[in-house]
PDB file of N, CA and C in Angstrom:
ATOM      1  N   MET A   1    -159.150 -23.417 -77.077  1.00  0.00           N
ATOM      2  CA  MET A   1    -158.683 -23.771 -78.395  1.00  0.00           C
ATOM      3  C   MET A   1    -159.830 -23.419 -79.467  1.00  0.00           C
ATOM      4  N   ARG A   2    -159.861 -22.417 -80.335  1.00  0.00           N
ATOM      5  CA  ARG A   2    -160.891 -21.929 -81.216  1.00  0.00           C
ATOM      6  C   ARG A   2    -161.135 -23.027 -82.422  1.00  0.00           C
ATOM      7  N   THR A   3    -162.334 -22.952 -82.591  1.00  0.00           N
ATOM      8  CA  THR A   3    -162.738 -23.966 -83.775  1.00  0.00           C
ATOM      9  C   THR A   3    -162.645 -23.237 -85.112  1.00  0.00           C
ATOM     10  N   PRO A   4    -161.769 -23.732 -86.153  1.00  0.00           N
ATOM     11  CA  PRO A   4    -161.543 -23.275 -87.389  1.00  0.00           C
ATOM     12  C   PRO A   4    -162.857 -22.839 -88.019  1.00  0.00           C
ATOM     13  N   PRO A   5    -162.780 -21.977 -88.804  1.00  0.00           N
ATOM     14  CA  PRO A   5    -164.061 -21.607 -89.541  1.00  0.00           C
ATOM     15  C   PRO A   5    -164.631 -22.719 -90.413  1.00  0.00           C
ATOM     16  N   GLU A   6    -165.859 -22.630 -90.837  1.00  0.00           N
ATOM     17  CA  GLU A   6    -166.200 -23.626 -91.829  1.00  0.00           C
ATOM     18  C   GLU A   6    -166.117 -22.958 -93.221  1.00  0.00           C
ATOM     19  N   PRO A   7    -165.739 -23.875 -94.347  1.00  0.00           N
ATOM     20  CA  PRO A   7    -165.690 -23.169 -95.587  1.00  0.00           C
ATOM     21  C   PRO A   7    -166.915 -22.768 -96.094  1.00  0.00           C
ATOM     22  N   ASP A   8    -167.178 -21.997 -97.173  1.00  0.00           N
ATOM     23  CA  ASP A   8    -168.486 -21.704 -97.605  1.00  0.00           C
ATOM     24  C   ASP A   8    -168.432 -22.418 -98.787  1.00  0.00           C
ATOM     25  N   MET A   9    -169.070 -23.680 -98.761  1.00  0.00           N
ATOM     26  CA  MET A   9    -169.164 -24.775 -99.934  1.00  0.00           C
ATOM     27  C   MET A   9    -169.816 -24.127-101.267  1.00  0.00           C
ATOM     28  N   ALA A  10    -170.678 -23.458-100.902  1.00  0.00           N
ATOM     29  CA  ALA A  10    -171.536 -22.778-102.150  1.00  0.00           C
ATOM     30  C   ALA A  10    -170.628 -22.135-102.938  1.00  0.00           C
ATOM     31  N   ARG A  11    -169.657 -21.412-102.480  1.00  0.00           N
ATOM     32  CA  ARG A  11    -168.609 -20.924-103.278  1.00  0.00           C
ATOM     33  C   ARG A  11    -167.626 -21.627-104.256  1.00  0.00           C
ATOM     34  N   LEU A  12    -167.894 -23.101-104.040  1.00  0.00           N
ATOM     35  CA  LEU A  12    -166.966 -23.871-104.789  1.00  0.00           C
ATOM     36  C   LEU A  12    -167.795 -24.092-106.295  1.00  0.00           C
ATOM     37  N   ALA A  13    -168.966 -23.928-106.436  1.00  0.00           N
ATOM     38  CA  ALA A  13    -169.592 -23.987-107.560  1.00  0.00           C
ATOM     39  C   ALA A  13    -169.273 -22.834-108.419  1.00  0.00           C
ATOM     40  N   ARG A  14    -168.978 -21.696-107.819  1.00  0.00           N
ATOM     41  CA  ARG A  14    -168.821 -20.653-108.768  1.00  0.00           C
ATOM     42  C   ARG A  14    -167.374 -20.716-109.283  1.00  0.00           C
ATOM     43  N   ALA A  15    -166.424 -21.117-108.323  1.00  0.00           N
ATOM     44  CA  ALA A  15    -165.016 -21.412-108.735  1.00  0.00           C
ATOM     45  C   ALA A  15    -164.859 -22.387-109.856  1.00  0.00           C
ATOM     46  N   PHE A  16    -165.602 -23.537-109.643  1.00  0.00           N
ATOM     47  CA  PHE A  16    -165.735 -24.510-110.595  1.00  0.00           C
ATOM     48  C   PHE A  16    -166.103 -23.787-112.021  1.00  0.00           C
ATOM     49  N   LYS A  17    -167.172 -23.052-112.219  1.00  0.00           N
ATOM     50  CA  LYS A  17    -167.594 -22.233-113.291  1.00  0.00           C
ATOM     51  C   LYS A  17    -166.533 -21.374-113.860  1.00  0.00           C
ATOM     52  N   VAL A  18    -165.937 -20.692-112.942  1.00  0.00           N
ATOM     53  CA  VAL A  18    -164.725 -19.613-113.386  1.00  0.00           C
ATOM     54  C   VAL A  18    -163.619 -20.421-114.006  1.00  0.00           C
ATOM     55  N   HIS A  19    -163.157 -21.454-113.249  1.00  0.00           N
ATOM     56  CA  HIS A  19    -161.923 -22.232-113.890  1.00  0.00           C
ATOM     57  C   HIS A  19    -162.360 -23.084-115.033  1.00  0.00           C
ATOM     58  N   LYS A  20    -163.690 -23.507-115.454  1.00  0.00           N
ATOM     59  CA  LYS A  20    -164.188 -24.094-116.518  1.00  0.00           C
ATOM     60  C   LYS A  20    -164.165 -23.163-117.529  1.00  0.00           C
ATOM     61  N   ALA A  21    -164.679 -21.850-117.432  1.00  0.00           N
ATOM     62  CA  ALA A  21    -164.841 -20.963-118.402  1.00  0.00           C
ATOM     63  C   ALA A  21    -163.417 -20.512-118.833  1.00  0.00           C
ATOM     64  N   ASN A  22    -162.461 -20.388-118.020  1.00  0.00           N
ATOM     65  CA  ASN A  22    -161.009 -19.973-118.215  1.00  0.00           C
ATOM     66  C   ASN A  22    -160.338 -21.085-118.997  1.00  0.00           C
ATOM     67  N   SER A  23    -160.855 -22.162-118.835  1.00  0.00           N
ATOM     68  CA  SER A  23    -160.131 -23.457-119.535  1.00  0.00           C
ATOM     69  C   SER A  23    -160.539 -23.405-120.946  1.00  0.00           C
ATOM     70  N   GLY A  24    -161.782 -22.983-121.192  1.00  0.00           N
ATOM     71  CA  GLY A  24    -162.327 -22.902-122.491  1.00  0.00           C
ATOM     72  C   GLY A  24    -163.014 -24.442-122.962  1.00  0.00           C
ATOM     73  N   MET A  25    -163.023 -25.329-121.938  1.00  0.00           N
ATOM     74  CA  MET A  25    -163.449 -26.722-122.235  1.00  0.00           C
ATOM     75  C   MET A  25    -164.932 -26.789-122.141  1.00  0.00           C
ATOM     76  N   THR A  26    -165.471 -27.579-123.091  1.00  0.00           N
ATOM     77  CA  THR A  26    -166.757 -27.980-122.880  1.00  0.00           C
ATOM     78  C   THR A  26    -167.089 -29.038-121.821  1.00  0.00           C
ATOM     79  N   TYR A  27    -168.295 -29.496-121.432  1.00  0.00           N
ATOM     80  CA  TYR A  27    -168.525 -30.483-120.393  1.00  0.00           C
ATOM     81  C   TYR A  27    -167.886 -31.716-120.771  1.00  0.00           C
ATOM     82  N   ASP A  28    -168.139 -31.898-122.301  1.00  0.00           N
ATOM     83  CA  ASP A  28    -167.754 -33.198-122.727  1.00  0.00           C
ATOM     84  C   ASP A  28    -166.218 -33.335-122.672  1.00  0.00           C
ATOM     85  N   GLN A  29    -165.570 -32.200-123.110  1.00  0.00           N
ATOM     86  CA  GLN A  29    -164.061 -32.508-123.181  1.00  0.00           C
ATOM     87  C   GLN A  29    -163.690 -32.361-121.904  1.00  0.00           C
ATOM     88  N   LEU A  30    -164.035 -31.935-120.632  1.00  0.00           N
ATOM     89  CA  LEU A  30    -163.748 -31.846-119.323  1.00  0.00           C
ATOM     90  C   LEU A  30    -164.128 -33.341-118.816  1.00  0.00           C
ATOM     91  N   ALA A  31    -165.242 -33.923-119.173  1.00  0.00           N
ATOM     92  CA  ALA A  31    -165.414 -35.343-118.699  1.00  0.00           C
ATOM     93  C   ALA A  31    -164.276 -36.115-119.242  1.00  0.00           C
ATOM     94  N   GLU A  32    -163.888 -36.003-120.329  1.00  0.00           N
ATOM     95  CA  GLU A  32    -162.870 -36.920-121.062  1.00  0.00           C
ATOM     96  C   GLU A  32    -161.534 -36.774-120.433  1.00  0.00           C
ATOM     97  N   ALA A  33    -161.157 -35.589-120.211  1.00  0.00           N
ATOM     98  CA  ALA A  33    -159.959 -35.133-119.717  1.00  0.00           C
ATOM     99  C   ALA A  33    -159.763 -35.731-118.207  1.00  0.00           C
ATOM    100  N   THR A  34    -160.995 -35.550-117.445  1.00  0.00           N
ATOM    101  CA  THR A  34    -160.805 -35.921-116.126  1.00  0.00           C
ATOM    102  C   THR A  34    -161.182 -37.448-115.825  1.00  0.00           C
ATOM    103  N   GLY A  35    -162.015 -38.024-116.784  1.00  0.00           N
ATOM    104  CA  GLY A  35    -162.454 -39.180-116.330  1.00  0.00           C
ATOM    105  C   GLY A  35    -163.777 -39.242-115.489  1.00  0.00           C
ATOM    106  N   LEU A  36    -164.239 -37.972-115.162  1.00  0.00           N
ATOM    107  CA  LEU A  36    -165.407 -37.762-114.255  1.00  0.00           C
ATOM    108  C   LEU A  36    -166.671 -37.755-115.147  1.00  0.00           C
ATOM    109  N   ALA A  37    -167.660 -38.288-114.662  1.00  0.00           N
ATOM    110  CA  ALA A  37    -168.934 -38.213-115.353  1.00  0.00           C
ATOM    111  C   ALA A  37    -169.350 -36.986-115.459  1.00  0.00           C
ATOM    112  N   ARG A  38    -170.106 -36.562-116.868  1.00  0.00           N
ATOM    113  CA  ARG A  38    -170.248 -35.372-117.361  1.00  0.00           C
ATOM    114  C   ARG A  38    -171.413 -34.885-116.338  1.00  0.00           C
ATOM    115  N   GLN A  39    -172.285 -35.690-115.717  1.00  0.00           N
ATOM    116  CA  GLN A  39    -173.412 -35.365-114.936  1.00  0.00           C
ATOM    117  C   GLN A  39    -172.788 -34.897-113.523  1.00  0.00           C
ATOM    118  N   THR A  40    -171.939 -35.407-113.216  1.00  0.00           N
ATOM    119  CA  THR A  40    -171.013 -35.225-111.975  1.00  0.00           C
ATOM    120  C   THR A  40    -170.637 -33.751-112.234  1.00  0.00           C
ATOM    121  N   LEU A  41    -169.880 -33.388-113.420  1.00  0.00           N
ATOM    122  CA  LEU A  41    -169.493 -31.894-113.638  1.00  0.00           C
ATOM    123  C   LEU A  41    -170.686 -30.937-113.651  1.00  0.00           C
ATOM    124  N   LEU A  42    -171.766 -31.301-114.150  1.00  0.00           N
ATOM    125  CA  LEU A  42    -172.983 -30.475-114.316  1.00  0.00           C
ATOM    126  C   LEU A  42    -173.366 -30.080-112.765  1.00  0.00           C
ATOM    127  N   ASN A  43    -173.320 -31.289-111.936  1.00  0.00           N
ATOM    128  CA  ASN A  43    -173.744 -31.171-110.579  1.00  0.00           C
ATOM    129  C   ASN A  43    -172.954 -30.266-109.661  1.00  0.00           C
ATOM    130  N   LEU A  44    -171.591 -30.417-110.121  1.00  0.00           N
ATOM    131  CA  LEU A  44    -170.493 -29.429-109.376  1.00  0.00           C
ATOM    132  C   LEU A  44    -170.838 -28.217-109.769  1.00  0.00           C
ATOM    133  N   ALA A  45    -171.224 -27.753-110.923  1.00  0.00           N
ATOM    134  CA  ALA A  45    -171.279 -26.398-111.503  1.00  0.00           C
ATOM    135  C   ALA A  45    -172.644 -25.676-110.939  1.00  0.00           C
ATOM    136  N   ALA A  46    -173.667 -26.775-110.753  1.00  0.00           N
ATOM    137  CA  ALA A  46    -174.915 -26.160-110.306  1.00  0.00           C
ATOM    138  C   ALA A  46    -174.903 -26.292-108.607  1.00  0.00           C
ATOM    139  N   GLY A  47    -173.697 -26.703-107.944  1.00  0.00           N
ATOM    140  CA  GLY A  47    -173.817 -26.706-106.355  1.00  0.00           C
ATOM    141  C   GLY A  47    -174.579 -27.775-105.998  1.00  0.00           C
ATOM    142  N   ARG A  48    -174.969 -28.726-106.831  1.00  0.00           N
ATOM    143  CA  ARG A  48    -175.866 -29.702-106.156  1.00  0.00           C
ATOM    144  C   ARG A  48    -175.083 -30.845-105.456  1.00  0.00           C
ATOM    145  N   THR A  49    -173.860 -30.853-105.714  1.00  0.00           N
ATOM    146  CA  THR A  49    -172.852 -31.853-104.922  1.00  0.00           C
ATOM    147  C   THR A  49    -171.499 -30.932-104.769  1.00  0.00           C
ATOM    148  N   TYR A  50    -170.791 -31.528-104.014  1.00  0.00           N
ATOM    149  CA  TYR A  50    -169.611 -30.723-103.885  1.00  0.00           C
ATOM    150  C   TYR A  50    -168.416 -31.652-104.185  1.00  0.00           C
ATOM    151  N   GLY A  51    -168.642 -32.778-104.600  1.00  0.00           N
ATOM    152  CA  GLY A  51    -167.519 -33.780-104.978  1.00  0.00           C
ATOM    153  C   GLY A  51    -166.659 -33.938-103.598  1.00  0.00           C
ATOM    154  N   ASP A  52    -165.618 -34.674-103.964  1.00  0.00           N
ATOM    155  CA  ASP A  52    -164.629 -35.075-102.927  1.00  0.00           C
ATOM    156  C   ASP A  52    -163.270 -34.659-103.136  1.00  0.00           C
ATOM    157  N   LEU A  53    -162.294 -34.938-102.205  1.00  0.00           N
ATOM    158  CA  LEU A  53    -161.027 -34.438-102.430  1.00  0.00           C
ATOM    159  C   LEU A  53    -160.252 -35.113-103.967  1.00  0.00           C
ATOM    160  N   ARG A  54    -160.644 -36.234-104.243  1.00  0.00           N
ATOM    161  CA  ARG A  54    -160.224 -36.819-105.495  1.00  0.00           C
ATOM    162  C   ARG A  54    -160.639 -35.924-106.630  1.00  0.00           C
ATOM    163  N   THR A  55    -161.870 -35.680-106.707  1.00  0.00           N
ATOM    164  CA  THR A  55    -162.485 -34.851-107.671  1.00  0.00           C
ATOM    165  C   THR A  55    -161.880 -33.443-107.986  1.00  0.00           C
ATOM    166  N   TRP A  56    -161.522 -32.779-106.574  1.00  0.00           N
ATOM    167  CA  TRP A  56    -160.827 -31.666-106.858  1.00  0.00           C
ATOM    168  C   TRP A  56    -159.517 -31.628-107.295  1.00  0.00           C
ATOM    169  N   LEU A  57    -158.864 -32.773-106.877  1.00  0.00           N
ATOM    170  CA  LEU A  57    -157.334 -32.846-107.442  1.00  0.00           C
ATOM    171  C   LEU A  57    -157.226 -33.078-108.698  1.00  0.00           C
ATOM    172  N   ILE A  58    -158.236 -33.936-109.191  1.00  0.00           N
ATOM    173  CA  ILE A  58    -158.283 -34.135-110.632  1.00  0.00           C
ATOM    174  C   ILE A  58    -158.728 -32.826-111.547  1.00  0.00           C
ATOM    175  N   LEU A  59    -159.560 -32.161-111.021  1.00  0.00           N
ATOM    176  CA  LEU A  59    -159.669 -30.770-111.793  1.00  0.00           C
ATOM    177  C   LEU A  59    -158.502 -29.981-111.661  1.00  0.00           C
ATOM    178  N   ALA A  60    -158.130 -29.961-110.525  1.00  0.00           N
ATOM    179  CA  ALA A  60    -156.820 -28.922-110.288  1.00  0.00           C
ATOM    180  C   ALA A  60    -155.679 -29.091-111.379  1.00  0.00           C
ATOM    181  N   LYS A  61    -155.584 -30.380-111.461  1.00  0.00           N
ATOM    182  CA  LYS A  61    -154.521 -31.160-112.372  1.00  0.00           C
ATOM    183  C   LYS A  61    -154.708 -30.761-114.007  1.00  0.00           C
ATOM    184  N   VAL A  62    -156.010 -31.130-114.435  1.00  0.00           N
ATOM    185  CA  VAL A  62    -156.289 -30.898-115.638  1.00  0.00           C
ATOM    186  C   VAL A  62    -156.362 -29.413-116.026  1.00  0.00           C
ATOM    187  N   TRP A  63    -156.728 -28.699-114.990  1.00  0.00           N
ATOM    188  CA  TRP A  63    -156.705 -26.915-115.381  1.00  0.00           C
ATOM    189  C   TRP A  63    -155.466 -26.416-115.056  1.00  0.00           C
ATOM    190  N   GLY A  64    -154.414 -27.134-114.548  1.00  0.00           N
ATOM    191  CA  GLY A  64    -153.147 -26.755-114.368  1.00  0.00           C
ATOM    192  C   GLY A  64    -153.103 -25.593-113.234  1.00  0.00           C
ATOM    193  N   VAL A  65    -153.848 -25.648-112.257  1.00  0.00           N
ATOM    194  CA  VAL A  65    -153.849 -24.885-111.036  1.00  0.00           C
ATOM    195  C   VAL A  65    -153.696 -25.631-109.897  1.00  0.00           C
ATOM    196  N   THR A  66    -153.252 -25.095-108.462  1.00  0.00           N
ATOM    197  CA  THR A  66    -153.000 -25.853-107.248  1.00  0.00           C
ATOM    198  C   THR A  66    -154.627 -26.017-106.869  1.00  0.00           C
ATOM    199  N   LEU A  67    -154.537 -27.126-105.927  1.00  0.00           N
ATOM    200  CA  LEU A  67    -155.987 -27.177-105.265  1.00  0.00           C
ATOM    201  C   LEU A  67    -156.075 -26.124-104.422  1.00  0.00           C
ATOM    202  N   ASP A  68    -155.169 -25.385-103.821  1.00  0.00           N
ATOM    203  CA  ASP A  68    -155.418 -24.163-103.170  1.00  0.00           C
ATOM    204  C   ASP A  68    -155.972 -23.183-103.720  1.00  0.00           C
ATOM    205  N   ASP A  69    -155.322 -22.977-104.920  1.00  0.00           N
ATOM    206  CA  ASP A  69    -156.123 -21.884-105.820  1.00  0.00           C
ATOM    207  C   ASP A  69    -157.457 -22.361-106.195  1.00  0.00           C
ATOM    208  N   LEU A  70    -157.645 -23.436-106.655  1.00  0.00           N
ATOM    209  CA  LEU A  70    -159.032 -23.712-106.969  1.00  0.00           C
ATOM    210  C   LEU A  70    -160.080 -23.846-105.946  1.00  0.00           C
ATOM    211  N   THR A  71    -159.808 -24.053-104.777  1.00  0.00           N
ATOM    212  CA  THR A  71    -160.605 -23.890-103.617  1.00  0.00           C
ATOM    213  C   THR A  71    -160.648 -22.773-102.603  1.00  0.00           C
ATOM    214  N   ALA A  72    -159.662 -21.961-103.035  1.00  0.00           N
ATOM    215  CA  ALA A  72    -159.536 -20.686-102.186  1.00  0.00           C
ATOM    216  C   ALA A  72    -160.819 -19.898-101.866  1.00  0.00           C
ATOM    217  N   ALA A  73    -161.747 -19.945-103.090  1.00  0.00           N
ATOM    218  CA  ALA A  73    -162.973 -19.248-102.900  1.00  0.00           C
ATOM    219  C   ALA A  73    -163.823 -19.549-101.772  1.00  0.00           C
ATOM    220  N   ALA A  74    -163.561 -20.936-101.274  1.00  0.00           N
ATOM    221  CA  ALA A  74    -164.371 -21.304-100.130  1.00  0.00           C
ATOM    222  C   ALA A  74    -163.889 -20.696 -98.823  1.00  0.00           C
ATOM    223  N   TRP A  75    -162.793 -20.072 -98.958  1.00  0.00           N
ATOM    224  CA  TRP A  75    -162.406 -19.535 -97.504  1.00  0.00           C
ATOM    225  C   TRP A  75    -162.613 -18.028 -97.548  1.00  0.00           C
ATOM    226  N   ARG A  76    -162.901 -17.290 -98.655  1.00  0.00           N
ATOM    227  CA  ARG A  76    -162.792 -15.835 -98.774  1.00  0.00           C
ATOM    228  C   ARG A  76    -163.742 -15.307 -97.748  1.00  0.00           C
ATOM    229  N   GLY A  77    -163.266 -14.281 -97.185  1.00  0.00           N
ATOM    230  CA  GLY A  77    -164.212 -13.658 -96.066  1.00  0.00           C
ATOM    231  C   GLY A  77    -163.869 -14.328 -94.727  1.00  0.00           C
ATOM    232  N   HIS A  78    -163.089 -15.244 -94.493  1.00  0.00           N
ATOM    233  CA  HIS A  78    -162.473 -15.777 -93.362  1.00  0.00           C
ATOM    234  C   HIS A  78    -161.004 -15.022 -92.983  1.00  0.00           C
ATOM    235  N   ALA A  79    -160.785 -14.953 -91.815  1.00  0.00           N
ATOM    236  CA  ALA A  79    -159.469 -14.596 -91.468  1.00  0.00           C
ATOM    237  C   ALA A  79    -158.296 -15.496 -92.070  1.00  0.00           C
ATOM    238  N   GLY A  80    -157.382 -14.817 -92.462  1.00  0.00           N
ATOM    239  CA  GLY A  80    -156.333 -15.802 -93.334  1.00  0.00           C
ATOM    240  C   GLY A  80    -156.704 -16.387 -94.580  1.00  0.00           C
ATOM    241  N   GLY A  81    -158.130 -16.199 -95.005  1.00  0.00           N
ATOM    242  CA  GLY A  81    -158.477 -16.730 -96.170  1.00  0.00           C
ATOM    243  C   GLY A  81    -158.778 -15.672 -97.530  1.00  0.00           C
TER     244      GLY A  81
END
């Protein structure tokens, strides 16, 4: 049995920035809409943290995208991704 590929977690910061820019929301607006701390959002954008599943589910809901769409960048470059 083959081990599945590892996601490229560094790409999540870029995906965060793209979706945030597309939303037109400021960090303060995003913090209010998600209930996440502004500092957490800044850390996600900078790649200092990756967050957890709850964080990405909330962001996907607020931005009106699927979790798959939001996190797809982590799998780019892998077979099937």
